[in-house]
């Protein structure tokens, strides 16, 4: 069982520093991790061939619940050994997503720097055999930090991992797939974390063009061509910026049925000052992350191509900057989108939907996809509604919603469906144009944004809008990420798209 995957330098390092073995002397490691499940401690009896140590493990493993841990240290040959006992919880509720999160919890518990880690568990005997790969993937995702601009770099707490498993080949195979996805999750985090003076439209264009090396066709539509195409909604957002706008289309067509296409569309506002409707200075620096939707789409295509997945995917991103100058778009301006729909720009800080409007229409016109999913840090209202736990989504197809929910459960990236109902339509009615770009008042801001986008979705297209404004970045640590960018969406779309093309 083998798979040929091209990996980045950082992932090649992880590939070479992880081993899966049927047996291993755990005492050769600095940190020994023991994952127990359902209070089954029978496998611990001979774990370290040391009666006193095993007795300590047995005592400390009692009554632990999922994610909870105990620890102790002992000296062997004048070297300190760190033992972590962590619980995988109950047999009835454990999922693969839960197992992967255990890897994140393990990483957060390690106190030794640059450690050689050994992991033994009894989970793989339950419902699935790739437990060791999932745990290791969780460690990798959790270990990521962004230290590019520090003069003193952070040390990764883990130098190598040895997993004891009865299913070596299966875990080696699954681990390669997970590495390719993890690579792109971390690339997403890096793109989002880079400052806007680095991650501008030219930089994103260059990153996208690199996908040509792994079999992705990349088409860059510049301002001159977009003007001819009538993409005035997108172009209006960029009028205040000296950085050029782009629509970048990435075509990865490797499926058996060329007519079965999924299109992913991403909002790529490299910095959002709000335009003339300027944002408050407090926390405006976080608006460098308003291009997260574009980063998710780009890296989803990247990951599928790395795996040579048998799918047909179009990734399209609108890349602009929303800042102020004498030429910037004004509140009250009217633009005609590529579809012909006229839009009153009631608020220049509701710019992402203007960008998506033209890109969504272009993708449908050119490729005729059966499914379109857009990702955008679109509204602050979604955080008010759902906090940081769930991304809100709106969808015009119950069937599509079911498949998205299944993928969400599989990977542990949580989404919550909000209504897309005609009763909200009057909120975006304009007095001087077909529609306006914001709703009336403060209520249902995320929903009225989706209602606006629906005007640019054809009736035959199954479509979902996923608002990741509250899940793409967090001010506290999460199970698989530290404070900062999360890369939410790449794992979700990998699972969704690959399962879609299996049906």
Protein backbone atom coordinates (compact mmCIF):
# COMPACT_ATOMS: atom_id res chain seq x y z
CA UNK A 1 0.00 0.00 0.00
CA UNK A 2 1.69 3.21 -1.18
CA UNK A 3 0.87 6.72 -2.35
CA UNK A 4 3.01 9.24 -4.17
CA UNK A 5 2.58 12.71 -2.62
CA UNK A 6 4.75 15.77 -3.06
CA UNK A 7 5.33 17.47 0.26
CA UNK A 8 6.81 20.80 1.29
CA UNK A 9 10.14 20.94 3.10
CA UNK A 10 8.52 21.26 6.52
CA UNK A 11 6.29 18.26 5.87
CA UNK A 12 9.17 16.19 4.51
CA UNK A 13 10.79 16.81 7.88
CA UNK A 14 7.72 15.46 9.65
CA UNK A 15 7.59 12.52 7.26
CA UNK A 16 11.18 11.53 8.07
CA UNK A 17 10.84 12.00 11.83
CA UNK A 18 7.78 9.77 12.36
CA UNK A 19 7.84 5.98 12.51
CA UNK A 20 5.16 3.35 12.92
CA UNK A 21 6.37 0.10 14.51
CA UNK A 22 4.80 -3.09 15.76
CA UNK A 23 7.14 -3.06 18.75
CA UNK A 24 9.46 -0.51 20.28
CA UNK A 25 11.46 0.00 23.45
CA UNK A 26 9.62 2.96 24.91
CA UNK A 27 12.40 3.64 27.37
CA UNK A 28 14.54 4.97 24.50
CA UNK A 29 12.25 8.00 24.35
CA UNK A 30 12.21 11.21 26.39
CA UNK A 31 8.41 11.31 26.54
CA UNK A 32 6.21 8.22 26.73
CA UNK A 33 2.54 8.78 25.89
CA UNK A 34 -0.02 6.16 26.85
CA UNK A 35 -3.53 6.60 25.46
CA UNK A 36 -6.16 4.62 27.34
CA UNK A 37 -9.69 3.93 26.21
CA UNK A 38 -12.81 2.92 28.08
CA UNK A 39 -10.85 2.25 31.28
CA UNK A 40 -9.19 -0.72 29.57
CA UNK A 41 -5.74 -0.88 31.17
CA UNK A 42 -4.87 -4.48 30.32
CA UNK A 43 -2.39 -3.41 27.67
CA UNK A 44 -0.51 -1.28 30.22
CA UNK A 45 0.69 -4.21 32.31
CA UNK A 46 3.88 -4.76 30.35
CA UNK A 47 4.14 -1.35 28.74
CA UNK A 48 7.49 -0.40 30.27
CA UNK A 49 8.66 -3.72 31.69
CA UNK A 50 8.90 -2.02 35.07
CA UNK A 51 6.46 -3.15 37.78
CA UNK A 52 6.57 0.05 39.82
CA UNK A 53 6.18 2.31 36.79
CA UNK A 54 3.33 0.24 35.40
CA UNK A 55 1.60 0.37 38.75
CA UNK A 56 1.86 4.17 38.71
CA UNK A 57 0.39 4.26 35.20
CA UNK A 58 -2.52 2.05 36.23
CA UNK A 59 -3.32 4.23 39.23
CA UNK A 60 -3.07 7.51 37.34
CA UNK A 61 -5.18 6.27 34.43
CA UNK A 62 -8.21 5.54 36.59
CA UNK A 63 -11.36 7.67 36.20
CA UNK A 64 -9.98 9.88 33.43
CA UNK A 65 -12.45 11.23 30.87
CA UNK A 66 -11.83 12.17 27.22
CA UNK A 67 -8.93 14.58 26.86
CA UNK A 68 -8.03 14.44 30.54
CA UNK A 69 -4.52 13.41 31.49
CA UNK A 70 -2.14 12.62 34.32
CA UNK A 71 1.62 12.62 34.30
CA UNK A 72 4.69 11.64 36.27
CA UNK A 73 8.45 11.62 35.81
CA UNK A 74 11.06 9.05 36.68
CA UNK A 75 14.82 8.75 36.31
CA UNK A 76 16.42 6.06 34.19
CA UNK A 77 20.20 5.92 33.71
CA UNK A 78 20.47 9.49 34.97
CA UNK A 79 17.96 10.71 32.37
CA UNK A 80 14.57 12.19 33.14
CA UNK A 81 11.67 10.34 31.52
CA UNK A 82 8.29 12.01 31.17
CA UNK A 83 5.17 9.83 31.14
CA UNK A 84 1.79 11.20 30.00
CA UNK A 85 -1.38 9.16 30.42
CA UNK A 86 -4.29 10.56 28.43
CA UNK A 87 -7.84 9.27 28.08
CA UNK A 88 -9.61 8.63 24.79
CA UNK A 89 -12.92 8.52 26.63
CA UNK A 90 -15.80 6.13 26.03
CA UNK A 91 -16.16 3.44 23.39
CA UNK A 92 -19.62 4.66 22.36
CA UNK A 93 -18.76 8.23 21.40
CA UNK A 94 -15.21 8.22 20.00
CA UNK A 95 -14.82 9.40 16.39
CA UNK A 96 -11.82 9.83 14.13
CA UNK A 97 -12.06 13.57 14.70
CA UNK A 98 -11.84 12.92 18.44
CA UNK A 99 -8.73 10.79 17.96
CA UNK A 100 -7.02 13.51 15.94
CA UNK A 101 -7.81 16.05 18.65
CA UNK A 102 -6.12 13.75 21.16
CA UNK A 103 -2.89 14.43 19.30
CA UNK A 104 -3.39 18.13 19.93
CA UNK A 105 -4.05 17.52 23.60
CA UNK A 106 -0.92 15.36 23.82
CA UNK A 107 1.23 18.09 22.32
CA UNK A 108 -0.08 20.64 24.79
CA UNK A 109 0.87 18.35 27.70
CA UNK A 110 4.51 17.77 26.69
CA UNK A 111 6.94 19.76 28.83
CA UNK A 112 10.27 18.51 27.45
CA UNK A 113 11.83 20.53 24.61
CA UNK A 114 12.93 18.85 21.37
CA UNK A 115 11.71 15.51 22.72
CA UNK A 116 11.76 12.04 21.28
CA UNK A 117 8.19 10.85 21.79
CA UNK A 118 6.77 7.34 21.85
CA UNK A 119 3.04 6.70 21.72
CA UNK A 120 1.17 3.52 22.56
CA UNK A 121 -2.62 3.17 22.56
CA UNK A 122 -5.45 0.66 22.61
CA UNK A 123 -7.87 2.62 20.43
CA UNK A 124 -7.07 0.93 17.12
CA UNK A 125 -8.72 -2.29 18.27
CA UNK A 126 -12.16 -0.64 18.34
CA UNK A 127 -13.58 0.64 15.06
CA UNK A 128 -10.65 1.87 12.98
CA UNK A 129 -7.01 1.01 12.44
CA UNK A 130 -5.42 4.38 11.54
CA UNK A 131 -5.39 5.71 15.08
CA UNK A 132 -1.63 6.27 15.22
CA UNK A 133 -1.68 8.38 12.03
CA UNK A 134 -4.59 10.47 13.31
CA UNK A 135 -2.91 11.15 16.65
CA UNK A 136 0.31 12.16 14.93
CA UNK A 137 -1.57 14.46 12.56
CA UNK A 138 -3.15 16.15 15.58
CA UNK A 139 0.30 16.73 17.08
CA UNK A 140 1.50 18.35 13.85
CA UNK A 141 -1.50 20.66 13.57
CA UNK A 142 -1.21 21.72 17.19
CA UNK A 143 2.56 22.29 17.00
CA UNK A 144 2.38 25.03 14.36
CA UNK A 145 3.51 28.51 15.35
CA UNK A 146 4.38 31.57 13.29
CA UNK A 147 7.81 32.80 14.33
CA UNK A 148 9.07 34.21 11.03
CA UNK A 149 9.57 37.73 12.36
CA UNK A 150 11.10 36.81 15.72
CA UNK A 151 14.87 37.08 15.91
CA UNK A 152 14.79 34.12 18.32
CA UNK A 153 12.86 31.20 16.86
CA UNK A 154 10.54 28.92 18.80
CA UNK A 155 11.63 25.33 19.32
CA UNK A 156 9.17 22.59 18.46
CA UNK A 157 8.62 20.45 21.53
CA UNK A 158 8.80 17.27 19.43
CA UNK A 159 11.84 16.13 17.42
CA UNK A 160 10.60 12.62 16.55
CA UNK A 161 7.59 10.36 17.09
CA UNK A 162 7.44 6.57 17.26
CA UNK A 163 3.97 5.03 17.29
CA UNK A 164 3.46 1.45 18.36
CA UNK A 165 0.72 -0.11 16.23
CA UNK A 166 -0.43 -3.46 14.88
CA UNK A 167 -1.29 -1.80 11.56
CA UNK A 168 1.97 -0.31 10.32
CA UNK A 169 1.19 -0.19 6.57
CA UNK A 170 -2.29 1.26 7.04
CA UNK A 171 -0.96 4.02 9.28
CA UNK A 172 1.94 4.83 6.97
CA UNK A 173 -0.50 5.17 4.05
CA UNK A 174 -3.02 7.28 5.96
CA UNK A 175 -0.26 9.42 7.44
CA UNK A 176 0.96 10.48 3.98
CA UNK A 177 -2.55 11.60 3.05
CA UNK A 178 -2.96 13.47 6.32
CA UNK A 179 0.45 15.12 5.85
CA UNK A 180 -0.61 16.55 2.48
CA UNK A 181 -3.77 17.98 4.04
CA UNK A 182 -1.96 19.24 7.15
CA UNK A 183 0.61 20.90 4.90
CA UNK A 184 -2.14 22.93 3.25
CA UNK A 185 -3.86 23.74 6.54
CA UNK A 186 -0.57 25.15 7.80
CA UNK A 187 -0.05 27.02 4.52
CA UNK A 188 -3.47 28.60 5.05
CA UNK A 189 -2.51 29.66 8.57
CA UNK A 190 0.74 31.17 7.29
CA UNK A 191 -0.97 33.13 4.52
CA UNK A 192 -3.55 34.49 6.98
CA UNK A 193 -0.93 35.41 9.60
CA UNK A 194 1.42 37.23 7.24
CA UNK A 195 1.07 41.03 7.42
CA UNK A 196 -0.78 42.76 4.61
CA UNK A 197 2.37 44.48 3.35
CA UNK A 198 3.67 40.98 2.53
CA UNK A 199 0.51 39.02 1.67
CA UNK A 200 -0.79 41.44 -0.94
CA UNK A 201 -2.47 40.64 -4.25
CA UNK A 202 0.83 40.08 -6.08
CA UNK A 203 2.00 37.62 -3.45
CA UNK A 204 -1.23 35.64 -3.56
CA UNK A 205 -1.02 35.56 -7.35
CA UNK A 206 2.54 34.17 -7.13
CA UNK A 207 1.50 31.50 -4.61
CA UNK A 208 -1.39 30.43 -6.84
CA UNK A 209 0.85 30.19 -9.91
CA UNK A 210 3.10 27.75 -8.06
CA UNK A 211 0.25 25.21 -8.23
CA UNK A 212 1.08 24.72 -11.91
CA UNK A 213 3.96 22.53 -10.74
CA UNK A 214 1.53 19.92 -9.38
CA UNK A 215 -0.88 19.79 -12.30
CA UNK A 216 -3.23 22.72 -11.64
CA UNK A 217 -4.10 25.08 -14.49
CA UNK A 218 -3.95 28.66 -13.18
CA UNK A 219 -5.62 31.56 -14.97
CA UNK A 220 -5.01 35.11 -13.75
CA UNK A 221 -7.56 37.72 -14.81
CA UNK A 222 -6.16 41.24 -14.43
CA UNK A 223 -7.90 44.58 -14.08
CA UNK A 224 -8.02 45.28 -17.81
CA UNK A 225 -9.68 41.95 -18.57
CA UNK A 226 -12.06 42.21 -15.61
CA UNK A 227 -13.16 45.62 -16.87
CA UNK A 228 -14.01 44.10 -20.27
CA UNK A 229 -15.89 41.30 -18.53
CA UNK A 230 -17.97 43.77 -16.53
CA UNK A 231 -16.75 42.74 -13.07
CA UNK A 232 -17.54 46.19 -11.71
CA UNK A 233 -18.71 45.02 -8.27
CA UNK A 234 -15.29 43.52 -7.54
CA UNK A 235 -13.33 46.35 -9.16
CA UNK A 236 -15.21 48.99 -7.18
CA UNK A 237 -13.86 47.57 -3.91
CA UNK A 238 -10.25 48.01 -5.06
CA UNK A 239 -10.59 51.59 -6.31
CA UNK A 240 -8.85 53.06 -3.27
CA UNK A 241 -5.80 50.77 -3.47
CA UNK A 242 -2.52 51.01 -5.35
CA UNK A 243 -2.27 47.21 -5.34
CA UNK A 244 -3.75 45.61 -8.47
CA UNK A 245 -6.92 43.49 -8.22
CA UNK A 246 -7.03 39.95 -9.58
CA UNK A 247 -9.47 37.16 -10.13
CA UNK A 248 -7.46 33.95 -9.99
CA UNK A 249 -8.96 30.70 -11.25
CA UNK A 250 -7.34 27.34 -10.44
CA UNK A 251 -8.53 24.35 -12.47
CA UNK A 252 -7.85 20.84 -11.20
CA UNK A 253 -9.68 18.43 -13.51
CA UNK A 254 -8.66 14.88 -12.65
CA UNK A 255 -12.04 13.17 -12.30
CA UNK A 256 -13.55 10.64 -14.63
CA UNK A 257 -16.64 12.72 -15.43
CA UNK A 258 -15.62 16.15 -16.77
CA UNK A 259 -19.19 17.37 -16.41
CA UNK A 260 -19.22 16.81 -12.66
CA UNK A 261 -17.51 19.90 -11.26
CA UNK A 262 -17.35 21.44 -7.81
CA UNK A 263 -16.48 25.12 -7.71
CA UNK A 264 -14.99 26.75 -4.63
CA UNK A 265 -15.04 30.54 -4.44
CA UNK A 266 -13.06 32.56 -1.91
CA UNK A 267 -13.07 36.14 -0.71
CA UNK A 268 -9.55 37.56 -0.87
CA UNK A 269 -9.55 41.04 0.66
CA UNK A 270 -5.87 41.37 1.58
CA UNK A 271 -6.66 44.20 3.97
CA UNK A 272 -10.03 45.63 4.91
CA UNK A 273 -9.94 49.12 6.38
CA UNK A 274 -13.65 49.41 5.62
CA UNK A 275 -13.16 51.86 2.79
CA UNK A 276 -14.73 55.27 3.38
CA UNK A 277 -16.94 53.59 6.00
CA UNK A 278 -13.72 53.13 7.93
CA UNK A 279 -13.45 50.61 10.74
CA UNK A 280 -12.45 51.60 14.29
CA UNK A 281 -8.69 51.57 14.84
CA UNK A 282 -9.04 49.06 17.67
CA UNK A 283 -8.15 45.62 16.29
CA UNK A 284 -8.13 46.85 12.69
CA UNK A 285 -4.79 45.06 12.33
CA UNK A 286 -6.72 41.78 12.36
CA UNK A 287 -8.24 42.74 9.02
CA UNK A 288 -5.16 41.34 7.29
CA UNK A 289 -7.07 38.07 7.67
CA UNK A 290 -9.93 39.13 5.44
CA UNK A 291 -8.37 37.06 2.67
CA UNK A 292 -8.86 33.80 4.57
CA UNK A 293 -11.58 32.56 2.22
CA UNK A 294 -9.17 32.85 -0.69
CA UNK A 295 -6.43 31.07 1.28
CA UNK A 296 -8.82 28.21 2.13
CA UNK A 297 -9.87 27.77 -1.49
CA UNK A 298 -6.31 27.96 -2.82
CA UNK A 299 -5.02 25.44 -0.31
CA UNK A 300 -7.95 23.07 -0.76
CA UNK A 301 -7.14 22.87 -4.46
CA UNK A 302 -3.48 22.51 -3.51
CA UNK A 303 -4.14 19.59 -1.16
CA UNK A 304 -6.36 17.73 -3.63
CA UNK A 305 -3.73 18.10 -6.34
CA UNK A 306 -0.96 16.95 -4.00
CA UNK A 307 -2.93 13.76 -3.36
CA UNK A 308 -3.70 13.38 -7.08
CA UNK A 309 -7.35 13.02 -6.09
CA UNK A 310 -9.76 11.83 -8.79
CA UNK A 311 -11.96 14.93 -8.62
CA UNK A 312 -12.87 17.94 -10.74
CA UNK A 313 -12.50 21.17 -8.81
CA UNK A 314 -12.44 24.81 -9.81
CA UNK A 315 -11.03 27.21 -7.23
CA UNK A 316 -11.71 30.88 -7.90
CA UNK A 317 -10.66 33.79 -5.71
CA UNK A 318 -11.23 37.52 -5.97
CA UNK A 319 -8.20 39.38 -4.62
CA UNK A 320 -8.55 43.08 -3.74
CA UNK A 321 -7.74 45.60 -1.01
CA UNK A 322 -10.39 47.81 0.62
CA UNK A 323 -8.67 51.03 1.69
CA UNK A 324 -9.19 54.78 1.42
CA UNK A 325 -7.98 57.26 -1.17
CA UNK A 326 -9.47 60.09 -3.22
CA UNK A 327 -10.52 57.50 -5.78
CA UNK A 328 -12.16 55.10 -3.33
CA UNK A 329 -15.71 53.91 -3.80
CA UNK A 330 -18.27 56.03 -1.91
CA UNK A 331 -21.37 55.07 0.08
CA UNK A 332 -24.32 55.61 -2.24
CA UNK A 333 -22.45 54.68 -5.41
CA UNK A 334 -24.20 52.31 -7.82
CA UNK A 335 -22.32 49.60 -9.73
CA UNK A 336 -23.49 47.04 -12.26
CA UNK A 337 -22.20 43.54 -11.54
CA UNK A 338 -21.08 41.08 -14.19
CA UNK A 339 -24.49 39.43 -14.07
CA UNK A 340 -26.16 42.71 -15.03
CA UNK A 341 -27.65 43.27 -11.57
CA UNK A 342 -27.29 46.82 -10.29
CA UNK A 343 -26.11 47.33 -6.71
CA UNK A 344 -26.36 50.33 -4.44
CA UNK A 345 -23.23 50.39 -2.26
CA UNK A 346 -24.87 51.49 0.95
CA UNK A 347 -21.82 50.61 3.06
CA UNK A 348 -18.28 50.29 1.71
CA UNK A 349 -17.41 48.00 4.62
CA UNK A 350 -19.75 45.35 3.21
CA UNK A 351 -17.26 44.76 0.43
CA UNK A 352 -16.71 41.01 0.49
CA UNK A 353 -20.11 40.23 -0.97
CA UNK A 354 -19.37 42.59 -3.87
CA UNK A 355 -16.19 40.65 -4.63
CA UNK A 356 -17.94 37.29 -4.40
CA UNK A 357 -20.84 38.42 -6.58
CA UNK A 358 -18.71 38.73 -9.70
CA UNK A 359 -16.51 35.70 -9.05
CA UNK A 360 -19.52 33.48 -8.33
CA UNK A 361 -21.16 34.57 -11.57
CA UNK A 362 -18.03 34.12 -13.65
CA UNK A 363 -17.46 30.57 -12.37
CA UNK A 364 -21.04 29.53 -13.16
CA UNK A 365 -20.99 31.13 -16.60
CA UNK A 366 -17.69 29.59 -17.67
CA UNK A 367 -17.72 26.15 -16.03
CA UNK A 368 -21.34 25.28 -15.24
CA UNK A 369 -20.53 23.52 -11.95
CA UNK A 370 -23.18 21.38 -10.28
CA UNK A 371 -22.08 22.54 -6.84
CA UNK A 372 -20.69 25.91 -5.74
CA UNK A 373 -19.41 26.61 -2.24
CA UNK A 374 -18.02 29.95 -1.20
CA UNK A 375 -15.83 30.73 1.81
CA UNK A 376 -15.61 34.20 3.26
CA UNK A 377 -14.88 36.12 6.43
CA UNK A 378 -18.06 37.95 5.59
CA UNK A 379 -19.79 39.25 8.72
CA UNK A 380 -19.07 40.06 12.34
CA UNK A 381 -22.69 39.10 12.94
CA UNK A 382 -21.82 35.42 12.60
CA UNK A 383 -19.64 35.62 15.71
CA UNK A 384 -22.47 37.28 17.63
CA UNK A 385 -24.75 34.43 16.59
CA UNK A 386 -22.44 31.41 16.99
CA UNK A 387 -19.27 32.52 18.76
CA UNK A 388 -16.03 30.81 17.70
CA UNK A 389 -17.33 27.24 17.85
CA UNK A 390 -19.28 27.02 14.60
CA UNK A 391 -19.04 28.51 11.14
CA UNK A 392 -22.45 29.59 9.95
CA UNK A 393 -23.63 28.44 6.55
CA UNK A 394 -26.62 29.01 4.34
CA UNK A 395 -27.58 26.64 1.58
CA UNK A 396 -30.19 26.32 -1.17
CA UNK A 397 -30.15 22.50 -1.20
CA UNK A 398 -31.04 20.15 1.63
CA UNK A 399 -29.10 17.37 -0.05
CA UNK A 400 -25.96 19.50 -0.22
CA UNK A 401 -26.45 20.54 3.39
CA UNK A 402 -26.57 16.89 4.49
CA UNK A 403 -23.27 16.13 2.77
CA UNK A 404 -21.64 19.20 4.30
CA UNK A 405 -22.87 18.20 7.76
CA UNK A 406 -21.43 14.72 7.30
CA UNK A 407 -18.02 16.11 6.31
CA UNK A 408 -18.17 18.49 9.27
CA UNK A 409 -18.71 15.59 11.65
CA UNK A 410 -15.97 13.52 10.03
CA UNK A 411 -13.23 16.12 10.48
CA UNK A 412 -14.53 17.98 13.52
CA UNK A 413 -14.83 21.40 11.83
CA UNK A 414 -18.25 22.46 13.06
CA UNK A 415 -20.83 24.24 10.90
CA UNK A 416 -24.38 25.38 11.65
CA UNK A 417 -27.08 26.03 9.08
CA UNK A 418 -28.97 29.33 9.17
CA UNK A 419 -32.16 30.08 7.22
CA UNK A 420 -32.06 31.32 3.65
CA UNK A 421 -35.66 32.53 3.38
CA UNK A 422 -37.46 34.93 1.07
CA UNK A 423 -38.84 36.83 4.06
CA UNK A 424 -35.39 38.45 4.42
CA UNK A 425 -35.38 39.66 0.80
CA UNK A 426 -37.01 43.09 1.49
CA UNK A 427 -34.07 43.95 3.75
CA UNK A 428 -31.73 44.31 0.77
CA UNK A 429 -34.17 46.16 -1.49
CA UNK A 430 -32.77 49.44 -2.79
CA UNK A 431 -34.70 52.58 -3.69
CA UNK A 432 -32.45 53.36 -6.66
CA UNK A 433 -31.03 50.00 -7.83
CA UNK A 434 -31.94 46.31 -7.99
CA UNK A 435 -30.45 45.55 -4.56
CA UNK A 436 -28.23 47.15 -1.95
CA UNK A 437 -25.24 45.56 -0.26
CA UNK A 438 -26.44 45.73 3.37
CA UNK A 439 -29.65 44.91 5.17
CA UNK A 440 -31.86 47.20 7.21
CA UNK A 441 -30.88 47.60 10.85
CA UNK A 442 -28.62 45.32 12.88
CA UNK A 443 -30.60 42.07 12.76
CA UNK A 444 -29.74 38.95 10.74
CA UNK A 445 -26.62 40.48 9.20
CA UNK A 446 -25.15 37.14 8.18
CA UNK A 447 -28.40 36.01 6.59
CA UNK A 448 -29.01 39.20 4.61
CA UNK A 449 -25.42 38.93 3.32
CA UNK A 450 -26.22 35.45 2.04
CA UNK A 451 -29.50 36.71 0.55
CA UNK A 452 -27.44 39.24 -1.39
CA UNK A 453 -25.12 36.51 -2.69
CA UNK A 454 -28.06 34.37 -3.75
CA UNK A 455 -28.88 36.97 -6.41
CA UNK A 456 -25.75 35.77 -8.20
CA UNK A 457 -26.52 32.06 -8.01
CA UNK A 458 -28.32 30.39 -10.89
CA UNK A 459 -31.46 28.42 -10.10
CA UNK A 460 -29.92 25.15 -11.30
CA UNK A 461 -26.82 25.49 -9.09
CA UNK A 462 -26.56 23.81 -5.70
CA UNK A 463 -24.86 26.39 -3.53
CA UNK A 464 -23.66 26.91 0.00
CA UNK A 465 -22.18 30.04 1.55
CA UNK A 466 -19.90 29.40 4.56
CA UNK A 467 -19.15 32.40 6.76
CA UNK A 468 -15.85 31.70 8.53
CA UNK A 469 -15.40 35.12 10.13
CA UNK A 470 -15.54 33.64 13.64
CA UNK A 471 -13.71 30.34 13.07
CA UNK A 472 -10.71 31.38 10.97
CA UNK A 473 -8.94 33.05 13.91
CA UNK A 474 -9.17 32.64 17.65
CA UNK A 475 -7.67 34.54 20.56
CA UNK A 476 -7.23 31.35 22.56
CA UNK A 477 -5.83 27.88 22.01
CA UNK A 478 -8.06 25.26 20.43
CA UNK A 479 -7.72 21.49 20.22
CA UNK A 480 -5.75 21.52 16.97
CA UNK A 481 -4.36 25.03 16.90
CA UNK A 482 -2.71 27.56 19.10
CA UNK A 483 -3.84 31.17 19.38
CA UNK A 484 -4.22 32.75 15.95
CA UNK A 485 -5.13 31.38 12.52
CA UNK A 486 -6.87 27.98 12.43
CA UNK A 487 -6.96 27.04 8.73
CA UNK A 488 -10.64 26.14 9.14
CA UNK A 489 -12.20 24.81 5.94
CA UNK A 490 -9.38 22.95 4.19
CA UNK A 491 -10.01 19.68 6.03
CA UNK A 492 -13.77 20.14 5.69
CA UNK A 493 -13.58 20.52 1.91
CA UNK A 494 -11.14 17.65 1.48
CA UNK A 495 -13.57 15.27 3.12
CA UNK A 496 -16.63 16.71 1.38
CA UNK A 497 -15.20 16.74 -2.15
CA UNK A 498 -13.55 13.32 -2.04
CA UNK A 499 -16.73 11.74 -0.70
CA UNK A 500 -18.83 13.59 -3.27
CA UNK A 501 -16.86 12.05 -6.14
CA UNK A 502 -17.11 8.56 -4.60
CA UNK A 503 -20.88 8.59 -4.85
